[in-house]
PDB file of N, CA and C in Angstrom:
ATOM      1  N   MET A   1      23.382  44.688 286.493  1.00  0.00           N
ATOM      2  CA  MET A   1      23.341  44.625 287.948  1.00  0.00           C
ATOM      3  C   MET A   1      22.119  45.400 288.409  1.00  0.00           C
ATOM      4  N   ALA A   2      21.285  44.754 289.177  1.00  0.00           N
ATOM      5  CA  ALA A   2      20.094  45.393 289.735  1.00  0.00           C
ATOM      6  C   ALA A   2      20.390  45.816 291.169  1.00  0.00           C
ATOM      7  N   GLU A   3      19.930  47.009 291.529  1.00  0.00           N
ATOM      8  CA  GLU A   3      20.156  47.534 292.874  1.00  0.00           C
ATOM      9  C   GLU A   3      18.812  47.880 293.501  1.00  0.00           C
ATOM     10  N   PHE A   4      18.638  47.428 294.748  1.00  0.00           N
ATOM     11  CA  PHE A   4      17.385  47.625 295.461  1.00  0.00           C
ATOM     12  C   PHE A   4      17.628  48.306 296.793  1.00  0.00           C
ATOM     13  N   LYS A   5      16.569  48.984 297.288  1.00  0.00           N
ATOM     14  CA  LYS A   5      16.623  49.673 298.572  1.00  0.00           C
ATOM     15  C   LYS A   5      15.416  49.217 299.380  1.00  0.00           C
ATOM     16  N   SER A   6      15.625  49.001 300.683  1.00  0.00           N
ATOM     17  CA  SER A   6      14.546  48.593 301.576  1.00  0.00           C
ATOM     18  C   SER A   6      14.463  49.555 302.752  1.00  0.00           C
ATOM     19  N   ILE A   7      13.256  49.698 303.301  1.00  0.00           N
ATOM     20  CA  ILE A   7      13.113  50.537 304.490  1.00  0.00           C
ATOM     21  C   ILE A   7      13.674  49.815 305.711  1.00  0.00           C
ATOM     22  N   TYR A   8      13.838  48.492 305.591  1.00  0.00           N
ATOM     23  CA  TYR A   8      14.419  47.689 306.675  1.00  0.00           C
ATOM     24  C   TYR A   8      15.880  47.399 306.347  1.00  0.00           C
ATOM     25  N   LYS A   9      16.786  47.818 307.204  1.00  0.00           N
ATOM     26  CA  LYS A   9      18.223  47.697 306.926  1.00  0.00           C
ATOM     27  C   LYS A   9      18.708  46.260 306.793  1.00  0.00           C
ATOM     28  N   GLY A  10      18.080  45.325 307.494  1.00  0.00           N
ATOM     29  CA  GLY A  10      18.534  43.940 307.455  1.00  0.00           C
ATOM     30  C   GLY A  10      17.490  42.977 306.930  1.00  0.00           C
ATOM     31  N   LEU A  11      16.669  43.423 305.981  1.00  0.00           N
ATOM     32  CA  LEU A  11      15.601  42.589 305.433  1.00  0.00           C
ATOM     33  C   LEU A  11      16.172  41.304 304.851  1.00  0.00           C
ATOM     34  N   SER A  12      15.575  40.170 305.227  1.00  0.00           N
ATOM     35  CA  SER A  12      15.972  38.871 304.689  1.00  0.00           C
ATOM     36  C   SER A  12      14.835  38.321 303.847  1.00  0.00           C
ATOM     37  N   PHE A  13      15.180  37.563 302.820  1.00  0.00           N
ATOM     38  CA  PHE A  13      14.178  36.921 301.981  1.00  0.00           C
ATOM     39  C   PHE A  13      14.770  35.640 301.412  1.00  0.00           C
ATOM     40  N   LYS A  14      13.889  34.771 300.918  1.00  0.00           N
ATOM     41  CA  LYS A  14      14.310  33.455 300.457  1.00  0.00           C
ATOM     42  C   LYS A  14      13.853  33.260 299.016  1.00  0.00           C
ATOM     43  N   VAL A  15      14.777  32.806 298.158  1.00  0.00           N
ATOM     44  CA  VAL A  15      14.467  32.507 296.766  1.00  0.00           C
ATOM     45  C   VAL A  15      15.084  31.159 296.433  1.00  0.00           C
ATOM     46  N   ASN A  16      14.262  30.229 295.958  1.00  0.00           N
ATOM     47  CA  ASN A  16      14.717  28.879 295.589  1.00  0.00           C
ATOM     48  C   ASN A  16      15.489  28.201 296.719  1.00  0.00           C
ATOM     49  N   GLY A  17      15.032  28.388 297.952  1.00  0.00           N
ATOM     50  CA  GLY A  17      15.646  27.733 299.096  1.00  0.00           C
ATOM     51  C   GLY A  17      16.908  28.401 299.612  1.00  0.00           C
ATOM     52  N   ILE A  18      17.288  29.532 299.060  1.00  0.00           N
ATOM     53  CA  ILE A  18      18.497  30.238 299.483  1.00  0.00           C
ATOM     54  C   ILE A  18      18.085  31.556 300.129  1.00  0.00           C
ATOM     55  N   TYR A  19      18.647  31.838 301.302  1.00  0.00           N
ATOM     56  CA  TYR A  19      18.362  33.088 302.005  1.00  0.00           C
ATOM     57  C   TYR A  19      19.300  34.194 301.520  1.00  0.00           C
ATOM     58  N   TYR A  20      18.733  35.373 301.354  1.00  0.00           N
ATOM     59  CA  TYR A  20      19.492  36.562 300.980  1.00  0.00           C
ATOM     60  C   TYR A  20      19.172  37.644 301.997  1.00  0.00           C
ATOM     61  N   LYS A  21      20.084  38.598 302.178  1.00  0.00           N
ATOM     62  CA  LYS A  21      19.874  39.634 303.187  1.00  0.00           C
ATOM     63  C   LYS A  21      20.375  40.987 302.689  1.00  0.00           C
ATOM     64  N   PHE A  22      19.581  42.022 302.959  1.00  0.00           N
ATOM     65  CA  PHE A  22      19.986  43.398 302.677  1.00  0.00           C
ATOM     66  C   PHE A  22      21.029  43.819 303.705  1.00  0.00           C
ATOM     67  N   ARG A  23      21.948  44.658 303.294  1.00  0.00           N
ATOM     68  CA  ARG A  23      22.935  45.225 304.205  1.00  0.00           C
ATOM     69  C   ARG A  23      22.772  46.743 304.166  1.00  0.00           C
ATOM     70  N   ASN A  24      22.505  47.323 305.342  1.00  0.00           N
ATOM     71  CA  ASN A  24      22.245  48.773 305.443  1.00  0.00           C
ATOM     72  C   ASN A  24      21.134  49.221 304.493  1.00  0.00           C
ATOM     73  N   GLY A  25      20.158  48.345 304.289  1.00  0.00           N
ATOM     74  CA  GLY A  25      19.012  48.684 303.452  1.00  0.00           C
ATOM     75  C   GLY A  25      19.271  48.619 301.963  1.00  0.00           C
ATOM     76  N   LYS A  26      20.417  48.047 301.542  1.00  0.00           N
ATOM     77  CA  LYS A  26      20.760  47.973 300.123  1.00  0.00           C
ATOM     78  C   LYS A  26      21.070  46.537 299.725  1.00  0.00           C
ATOM     79  N   PHE A  27      20.742  46.200 298.471  1.00  0.00           N
ATOM     80  CA  PHE A  27      21.008  44.860 297.964  1.00  0.00           C
ATOM     81  C   PHE A  27      21.269  44.955 296.463  1.00  0.00           C
ATOM     82  N   LYS A  28      22.337  44.307 295.992  1.00  0.00           N
ATOM     83  CA  LYS A  28      22.679  44.275 294.569  1.00  0.00           C
ATOM     84  C   LYS A  28      22.761  42.831 294.109  1.00  0.00           C
ATOM     85  N   THR A  29      22.269  42.558 292.905  1.00  0.00           N
ATOM     86  CA  THR A  29      22.328  41.206 292.366  1.00  0.00           C
ATOM     87  C   THR A  29      22.237  41.219 290.845  1.00  0.00           C
ATOM     88  N   THR A  30      22.673  40.119 290.247  1.00  0.00           N
ATOM     89  CA  THR A  30      22.510  39.908 288.814  1.00  0.00           C
ATOM     90  C   THR A  30      21.666  38.666 288.550  1.00  0.00           C
ATOM     91  N   ILE A  31      21.199  38.005 289.604  1.00  0.00           N
ATOM     92  CA  ILE A  31      20.438  36.763 289.486  1.00  0.00           C
ATOM     93  C   ILE A  31      18.986  37.088 289.128  1.00  0.00           C
ATOM     94  N   LYS A  32      18.538  36.590 287.980  1.00  0.00           N
ATOM     95  CA  LYS A  32      17.216  36.924 287.454  1.00  0.00           C
ATOM     96  C   LYS A  32      16.086  36.550 288.417  1.00  0.00           C
ATOM     97  N   GLU A  33      16.145  35.366 289.016  1.00  0.00           N
ATOM     98  CA  GLU A  33      15.089  34.913 289.928  1.00  0.00           C
ATOM     99  C   GLU A  33      14.995  35.808 291.161  1.00  0.00           C
ATOM    100  N   VAL A  34      16.131  36.248 291.665  1.00  0.00           N
ATOM    101  CA  VAL A  34      16.163  37.124 292.838  1.00  0.00           C
ATOM    102  C   VAL A  34      15.590  38.495 292.471  1.00  0.00           C
ATOM    103  N   ILE A  35      15.938  39.005 291.312  1.00  0.00           N
ATOM    104  CA  ILE A  35      15.414  40.296 290.854  1.00  0.00           C
ATOM    105  C   ILE A  35      13.892  40.240 290.750  1.00  0.00           C
ATOM    106  N   GLU A  36      13.371  39.167 290.153  1.00  0.00           N
ATOM    107  CA  GLU A  36      11.920  39.024 290.010  1.00  0.00           C
ATOM    108  C   GLU A  36      11.232  38.962 291.362  1.00  0.00           C
ATOM    109  N   ALA A  37      11.826  38.255 292.319  1.00  0.00           N
ATOM    110  CA  ALA A  37      11.239  38.150 293.659  1.00  0.00           C
ATOM    111  C   ALA A  37      11.249  39.504 294.365  1.00  0.00           C
ATOM    112  N   LEU A  38      12.340  40.238 294.252  1.00  0.00           N
ATOM    113  CA  LEU A  38      12.449  41.540 294.918  1.00  0.00           C
ATOM    114  C   LEU A  38      11.480  42.564 294.331  1.00  0.00           C
ATOM    115  N   GLU A  39      11.238  42.491 293.033  1.00  0.00           N
ATOM    116  CA  GLU A  39      10.313  43.437 292.406  1.00  0.00           C
ATOM    117  C   GLU A  39       8.879  43.244 292.889  1.00  0.00           C
ATOM    118  N   LYS A  40       8.576  42.077 293.447  1.00  0.00           N
ATOM    119  CA  LYS A  40       7.228  41.790 293.949  1.00  0.00           C
ATOM    120  C   LYS A  40       7.038  42.200 295.404  1.00  0.00           C
ATOM    121  N   LEU A  41       8.122  42.463 296.132  1.00  0.00           N
ATOM    122  CA  LEU A  41       8.020  42.807 297.550  1.00  0.00           C
ATOM    123  C   LEU A  41       7.571  44.256 297.730  1.00  0.00           C
ATOM    124  N   ALA A  42       6.654  44.452 298.682  1.00  0.00           N
ATOM    125  CA  ALA A  42       6.089  45.789 298.915  1.00  0.00           C
ATOM    126  C   ALA A  42       7.080  46.741 299.582  1.00  0.00           C
ATOM    127  N   ASP A  43       7.956  46.235 300.436  1.00  0.00           N
ATOM    128  CA  ASP A  43       8.872  47.086 301.201  1.00  0.00           C
ATOM    129  C   ASP A  43      10.206  47.315 300.500  1.00  0.00           C
ATOM    130  N   VAL A  44      10.268  46.967 299.223  1.00  0.00           N
ATOM    131  CA  VAL A  44      11.517  47.067 298.472  1.00  0.00           C
ATOM    132  C   VAL A  44      11.285  47.931 297.239  1.00  0.00           C
ATOM    133  N   GLU A  45      12.268  48.783 296.953  1.00  0.00           N
ATOM    134  CA  GLU A  45      12.188  49.668 295.790  1.00  0.00           C
ATOM    135  C   GLU A  45      13.440  49.484 294.945  1.00  0.00           C
ATOM    136  N   ARG A  46      13.261  49.339 293.649  1.00  0.00           N
ATOM    137  CA  ARG A  46      14.412  49.238 292.756  1.00  0.00           C
ATOM    138  C   ARG A  46      14.927  50.642 292.487  1.00  0.00           C
ATOM    139  N   VAL A  47      16.214  50.859 292.732  1.00  0.00           N
ATOM    140  CA  VAL A  47      16.777  52.203 292.604  1.00  0.00           C
ATOM    141  C   VAL A  47      17.552  52.403 291.306  1.00  0.00           C
ATOM    142  N   ASP A  48      17.797  51.349 290.571  1.00  0.00           N
ATOM    143  CA  ASP A  48      18.387  51.496 289.248  1.00  0.00           C
ATOM    144  C   ASP A  48      17.290  51.178 288.239  1.00  0.00           C
ATOM    145  N   GLN A  49      17.565  51.400 286.981  1.00  0.00           N
ATOM    146  CA  GLN A  49      16.594  51.078 285.946  1.00  0.00           C
ATOM    147  C   GLN A  49      17.139  49.941 285.104  1.00  0.00           C
ATOM    148  N   PRO A  50      16.288  48.991 284.746  1.00  0.00           N
ATOM    149  CA  PRO A  50      16.746  47.929 283.855  1.00  0.00           C
ATOM    150  C   PRO A  50      17.202  48.505 282.520  1.00  0.00           C
ATOM    151  N   GLN A  51      18.137  47.844 281.860  1.00  0.00           N
ATOM    152  CA  GLN A  51      18.681  48.333 280.599  1.00  0.00           C
ATOM    153  C   GLN A  51      17.588  48.551 279.563  1.00  0.00           C
ATOM    154  N   SER A  52      16.610  47.651 279.472  1.00  0.00           N
ATOM    155  CA  SER A  52      15.562  47.781 278.466  1.00  0.00           C
ATOM    156  C   SER A  52      14.744  49.048 278.685  1.00  0.00           C
ATOM    157  N   GLU A  53      14.480  49.424 279.937  1.00  0.00           N
ATOM    158  CA  GLU A  53      13.724  50.641 280.220  1.00  0.00           C
ATOM    159  C   GLU A  53      14.547  51.878 279.890  1.00  0.00           C
ATOM    160  N   GLN A  54      15.837  51.842 280.154  1.00  0.00           N
ATOM    161  CA  GLN A  54      16.684  53.001 279.872  1.00  0.00           C
ATOM    162  C   GLN A  54      16.717  53.275 278.376  1.00  0.00           C
ATOM    163  N   THR A  55      16.868  52.241 277.564  1.00  0.00           N
ATOM    164  CA  THR A  55      16.956  52.452 276.127  1.00  0.00           C
ATOM    165  C   THR A  55      15.619  52.868 275.551  1.00  0.00           C
ATOM    166  N   SER A  56      14.515  52.306 276.030  1.00  0.00           N
ATOM    167  CA  SER A  56      13.211  52.677 275.489  1.00  0.00           C
ATOM    168  C   SER A  56      12.845  54.105 275.871  1.00  0.00           C
ATOM    169  N   GLU A  57      13.207  54.538 277.078  1.00  0.00           N
ATOM    170  CA  GLU A  57      12.910  55.903 277.496  1.00  0.00           C
ATOM    171  C   GLU A  57      13.697  56.910 276.673  1.00  0.00           C
ATOM    172  N   SER A  58      14.944  56.593 276.375  1.00  0.00           N
ATOM    173  CA  SER A  58      15.749  57.534 275.610  1.00  0.00           C
ATOM    174  C   SER A  58      15.230  57.647 274.179  1.00  0.00           C
ATOM    175  N   LYS A  59      14.633  56.580 273.642  1.00  0.00           N
ATOM    176  CA  LYS A  59      14.076  56.636 272.297  1.00  0.00           C
ATOM    177  C   LYS A  59      12.776  57.422 272.275  1.00  0.00           C
ATOM    178  N   ASP A  60      12.000  57.342 273.359  1.00  0.00           N
ATOM    179  CA  ASP A  60      10.713  58.018 273.420  1.00  0.00           C
ATOM    180  C   ASP A  60      10.848  59.524 273.594  1.00  0.00           C
ATOM    181  N   GLN A  61      11.923  59.973 274.197  1.00  0.00           N
ATOM    182  CA  GLN A  61      12.084  61.393 274.467  1.00  0.00           C
ATOM    183  C   GLN A  61      12.529  62.113 273.195  1.00  0.00           C
ATOM    184  N   PRO A  62      11.800  63.157 272.812  1.00  0.00           N
ATOM    185  CA  PRO A  62      12.207  63.889 271.605  1.00  0.00           C
ATOM    186  C   PRO A  62      13.495  64.662 271.857  1.00  0.00           C
ATOM    187  N   LYS A  63      14.297  64.718 270.854  1.00  0.00           N
ATOM    188  CA  LYS A  63      15.550  65.465 270.974  1.00  0.00           C
ATOM    189  C   LYS A  63      15.242  66.944 270.806  1.00  0.00           C
ATOM    190  N   GLU A  64      15.918  67.736 271.592  1.00  0.00           N
ATOM    191  CA  GLU A  64      15.725  69.177 271.474  1.00  0.00           C
ATOM    192  C   GLU A  64      16.472  69.667 270.243  1.00  0.00           C
ATOM    193  N   GLU A  65      15.742  70.356 269.416  1.00  0.00           N
ATOM    194  CA  GLU A  65      16.368  70.887 268.216  1.00  0.00           C
ATOM    195  C   GLU A  65      16.885  72.289 268.509  1.00  0.00           C
ATOM    196  N   ALA A  66      18.001  72.580 267.927  1.00  0.00           N
ATOM    197  CA  ALA A  66      18.569  73.918 268.113  1.00  0.00           C
ATOM    198  C   ALA A  66      17.705  74.910 267.356  1.00  0.00           C
ATOM    199  N   LYS A  67      17.255  75.913 268.061  1.00  0.00           N
ATOM    200  CA  LYS A  67      16.415  76.926 267.435  1.00  0.00           C
ATOM    201  C   LYS A  67      17.296  78.107 267.041  1.00  0.00           C
ATOM    202  N   ALA A  68      17.179  78.484 265.795  1.00  0.00           N
ATOM    203  CA  ALA A  68      17.962  79.620 265.309  1.00  0.00           C
ATOM    204  C   ALA A  68      17.337  80.902 265.831  1.00  0.00           C
ATOM    205  N   LYS A  69      18.166  81.761 266.346  1.00  0.00           N
ATOM    206  CA  LYS A  69      17.670  83.043 266.836  1.00  0.00           C
ATOM    207  C   LYS A  69      17.586  83.998 265.653  1.00  0.00           C
ATOM    208  N   THR A  70      16.396  84.471 265.440  1.00  0.00           N
ATOM    209  CA  THR A  70      16.215  85.407 264.333  1.00  0.00           C
ATOM    210  C   THR A  70      15.610  86.692 264.859  1.00  0.00           C
ATOM    211  N   LYS A  71      15.964  87.762 264.201  1.00  0.00           N
ATOM    212  CA  LYS A  71      15.403  89.056 264.569  1.00  0.00           C
ATOM    213  C   LYS A  71      14.119  89.248 263.775  1.00  0.00           C
ATOM    214  N   PRO A  72      13.136  89.882 264.386  1.00  0.00           N
ATOM    215  CA  PRO A  72      11.910  90.144 263.628  1.00  0.00           C
ATOM    216  C   PRO A  72      12.204  91.065 262.448  1.00  0.00           C
ATOM    217  N   VAL A  73      11.588  90.755 261.357  1.00  0.00           N
ATOM    218  CA  VAL A  73      11.802  91.546 260.147  1.00  0.00           C
ATOM    219  C   VAL A  73      10.795  92.685 260.138  1.00  0.00           C
ATOM    220  N   SER A  74      11.304  93.904 260.005  1.00  0.00           N
ATOM    221  CA  SER A  74      10.401  95.052 259.938  1.00  0.00           C
ATOM    222  C   SER A  74      10.064  95.313 258.478  1.00  0.00           C
ATOM    223  N   LYS A  75       8.809  95.537 258.238  1.00  0.00           N
ATOM    224  CA  LYS A  75       8.371  95.772 256.864  1.00  0.00           C
ATOM    225  C   LYS A  75       8.552  97.246 256.526  1.00  0.00           C
ATOM    226  N   LYS A  76       9.217  97.498 255.417  1.00  0.00           N
ATOM    227  CA  LYS A  76       9.431  98.875 254.970  1.00  0.00           C
ATOM    228  C   LYS A  76       8.370  99.222 253.949  1.00  0.00           C
ATOM    229  N   LYS A  77       7.832 100.422 254.058  1.00  0.00           N
ATOM    230  CA  LYS A  77       6.795 100.861 253.123  1.00  0.00           C
ATOM    231  C   LYS A  77       7.292 101.923 252.215  1.00  0.00           C
TER     232      LYS A  77
END
């Protein structure tokens, strides 16, 4: 499910001869053609992340390794 936000609360747009309308500046859809059209509009921002981007970002981020706390070793003479 793709979720979009617009600065215009009632923005209308047309895809394949069908009109769609934002409600309170928000619009949700699963239709691929509508998602592609919305991503091209200047006044619209996608507020969720596509699944492919979420998985690739999580793979790119290095995992934090647990660092063992050690005390400095004092050298005895």
